[in-house]
Amino acid sequence: MARSLDGLVLSPVADQAPGQVGTRTRFTYHEENGRIWAEYAGGDVVRGHLVGTREGDLLDFRYVQLKQDGATASGHCRSTVVDLVDGRVRLEETWEWESGPGSGTSVVEQQVQ
């Protein structure tokens, strides 16, 4: 199993569609006893939260966010935690909106501090 996400800051490696999470978005993760949560903001996202569970290297969580234009959105994501050779962590994600149409994949990686 990959190491704990607790206290790690991750960001997308590529921009998503306009108005969504992008390379300027930062996720601050927390983890305790198989539970995960994070706050995120940046780019078109004013504030976002996610909450879910971790079983081994698999995350399953729901997210909700407020965008710059005042719109809100929510969805579901499943991620695989991957340890990179340089010691950082990557999440390989498959997500879907629940507040509207759309789904996709994304990758977020730990920021070098």
Protein backbone atom coordinates (compact mmCIF):
# COMPACT_ATOMS: atom_id res chain seq x y z
CA MET A 1 0.00 0.00 0.00
CA ALA A 2 1.21 3.49 -0.85
CA ARG A 3 1.96 5.84 2.03
CA SER A 4 -0.56 8.00 3.83
CA LEU A 5 -2.02 11.04 2.09
CA ASP A 6 -2.30 12.93 5.37
CA GLY A 7 -0.90 16.44 5.00
CA LEU A 8 0.03 16.07 1.33
CA VAL A 9 -0.69 18.82 -1.21
CA LEU A 10 -1.52 17.57 -4.72
CA SER A 11 -2.44 19.30 -7.97
CA PRO A 12 -3.61 18.21 -11.44
CA VAL A 13 -0.92 17.60 -14.06
CA ALA A 14 -3.23 19.00 -16.79
CA ASP A 15 -6.19 21.37 -17.02
CA GLN A 16 -9.69 19.93 -17.29
CA ALA A 17 -12.53 21.60 -19.19
CA PRO A 18 -12.91 25.38 -18.68
CA GLY A 19 -14.49 26.26 -15.34
CA GLN A 20 -13.29 23.10 -13.63
CA VAL A 21 -10.29 21.91 -11.63
CA GLY A 22 -6.99 22.82 -13.30
CA THR A 23 -3.26 23.02 -12.76
CA ARG A 24 -3.69 26.02 -10.42
CA THR A 25 -5.96 24.00 -8.10
CA ARG A 26 -4.37 22.69 -4.89
CA PHE A 27 -5.80 19.80 -2.86
CA THR A 28 -4.75 19.43 0.78
CA TYR A 29 -5.43 15.85 1.88
CA HIS A 30 -6.10 14.37 5.30
CA GLU A 31 -6.32 10.69 6.20
CA GLU A 32 -7.21 8.78 9.36
CA ASN A 33 -8.31 5.18 9.90
CA GLY A 34 -9.42 4.56 6.31
CA ARG A 35 -11.19 7.91 6.01
CA ILE A 36 -10.00 10.63 3.66
CA TRP A 37 -10.97 14.25 3.17
CA ALA A 38 -9.51 17.29 1.48
CA GLU A 39 -10.02 20.97 0.90
CA TYR A 40 -9.22 22.43 -2.49
CA ALA A 41 -9.16 25.78 -4.24
CA GLY A 42 -7.47 27.57 -7.10
CA GLY A 43 -8.11 28.53 -10.69
CA ASP A 44 -11.85 28.50 -11.38
CA VAL A 45 -12.62 26.81 -8.04
CA VAL A 46 -13.17 29.17 -5.09
CA ARG A 47 -13.65 26.37 -2.56
CA GLY A 48 -14.07 22.62 -2.74
CA HIS A 49 -14.32 19.71 -0.35
CA LEU A 50 -14.09 15.97 -0.78
CA VAL A 51 -14.81 13.18 1.67
CA GLY A 52 -14.62 9.40 1.39
CA THR A 53 -12.78 6.23 2.22
CA ARG A 54 -9.53 4.47 1.46
CA GLU A 55 -9.17 0.71 1.16
CA GLY A 56 -5.58 -0.21 0.35
CA ASP A 57 -4.56 1.92 -2.62
CA LEU A 58 -8.15 2.67 -3.69
CA LEU A 59 -10.00 5.86 -2.79
CA ASP A 60 -13.76 6.33 -3.17
CA PHE A 61 -15.10 9.82 -2.47
CA ARG A 62 -17.70 12.46 -3.21
CA TYR A 63 -16.77 16.08 -3.93
CA VAL A 64 -18.56 19.43 -3.98
CA GLN A 65 -17.24 22.77 -5.19
CA LEU A 66 -18.07 26.45 -5.61
CA LYS A 67 -16.80 28.08 -8.79
CA GLN A 68 -15.79 31.69 -9.50
CA ASP A 69 -19.08 32.30 -11.35
CA GLY A 70 -21.10 31.30 -8.25
CA ALA A 71 -22.19 27.92 -9.62
CA THR A 72 -21.91 24.79 -7.50
CA ALA A 73 -21.16 21.28 -8.69
CA SER A 74 -20.81 17.83 -7.13
CA GLY A 75 -19.65 14.40 -8.16
CA HIS A 76 -18.12 11.03 -7.41
CA CYS A 77 -14.52 9.89 -7.90
CA ARG A 78 -12.53 6.66 -7.61
CA SER A 79 -8.76 6.97 -7.45
CA THR A 80 -5.76 4.69 -7.31
CA VAL A 81 -2.83 5.82 -5.16
CA VAL A 82 0.54 5.31 -6.87
CA ASP A 83 4.00 5.84 -5.36
CA LEU A 84 6.26 7.57 -7.90
CA VAL A 85 9.95 6.63 -8.21
CA ASP A 86 10.96 10.11 -6.98
CA GLY A 87 9.09 9.53 -3.69
CA ARG A 88 6.00 11.61 -4.52
CA VAL A 89 2.43 10.32 -4.68
CA ARG A 90 0.11 10.29 -7.71
CA LEU A 91 -3.66 9.73 -7.82
CA GLU A 92 -5.02 8.25 -11.04
CA GLU A 93 -8.69 9.23 -11.06
CA THR A 94 -11.95 8.30 -12.75
CA TRP A 95 -14.72 10.77 -11.97
CA GLU A 96 -18.29 11.64 -12.88
CA TRP A 97 -20.46 14.63 -12.18
CA GLU A 98 -23.60 13.96 -10.18
CA SER A 99 -24.91 17.53 -10.45
CA GLY A 100 -24.93 17.39 -14.26
CA PRO A 101 -23.64 15.49 -17.27
CA GLY A 102 -20.01 14.57 -17.71
CA SER A 103 -17.28 12.17 -16.69
CA GLY A 104 -13.60 11.65 -17.31
CA THR A 105 -10.17 10.78 -16.00
CA SER A 106 -7.48 12.90 -14.43
CA VAL A 107 -4.13 12.67 -12.65
CA VAL A 108 -3.06 14.66 -9.60
CA GLU A 109 0.45 14.55 -8.16
CA GLN A 110 2.09 15.59 -4.93
CA GLN A 111 3.69 19.03 -5.06
CA VAL A 112 7.39 19.32 -4.27
CA GLN A 113 7.77 21.47 -1.18
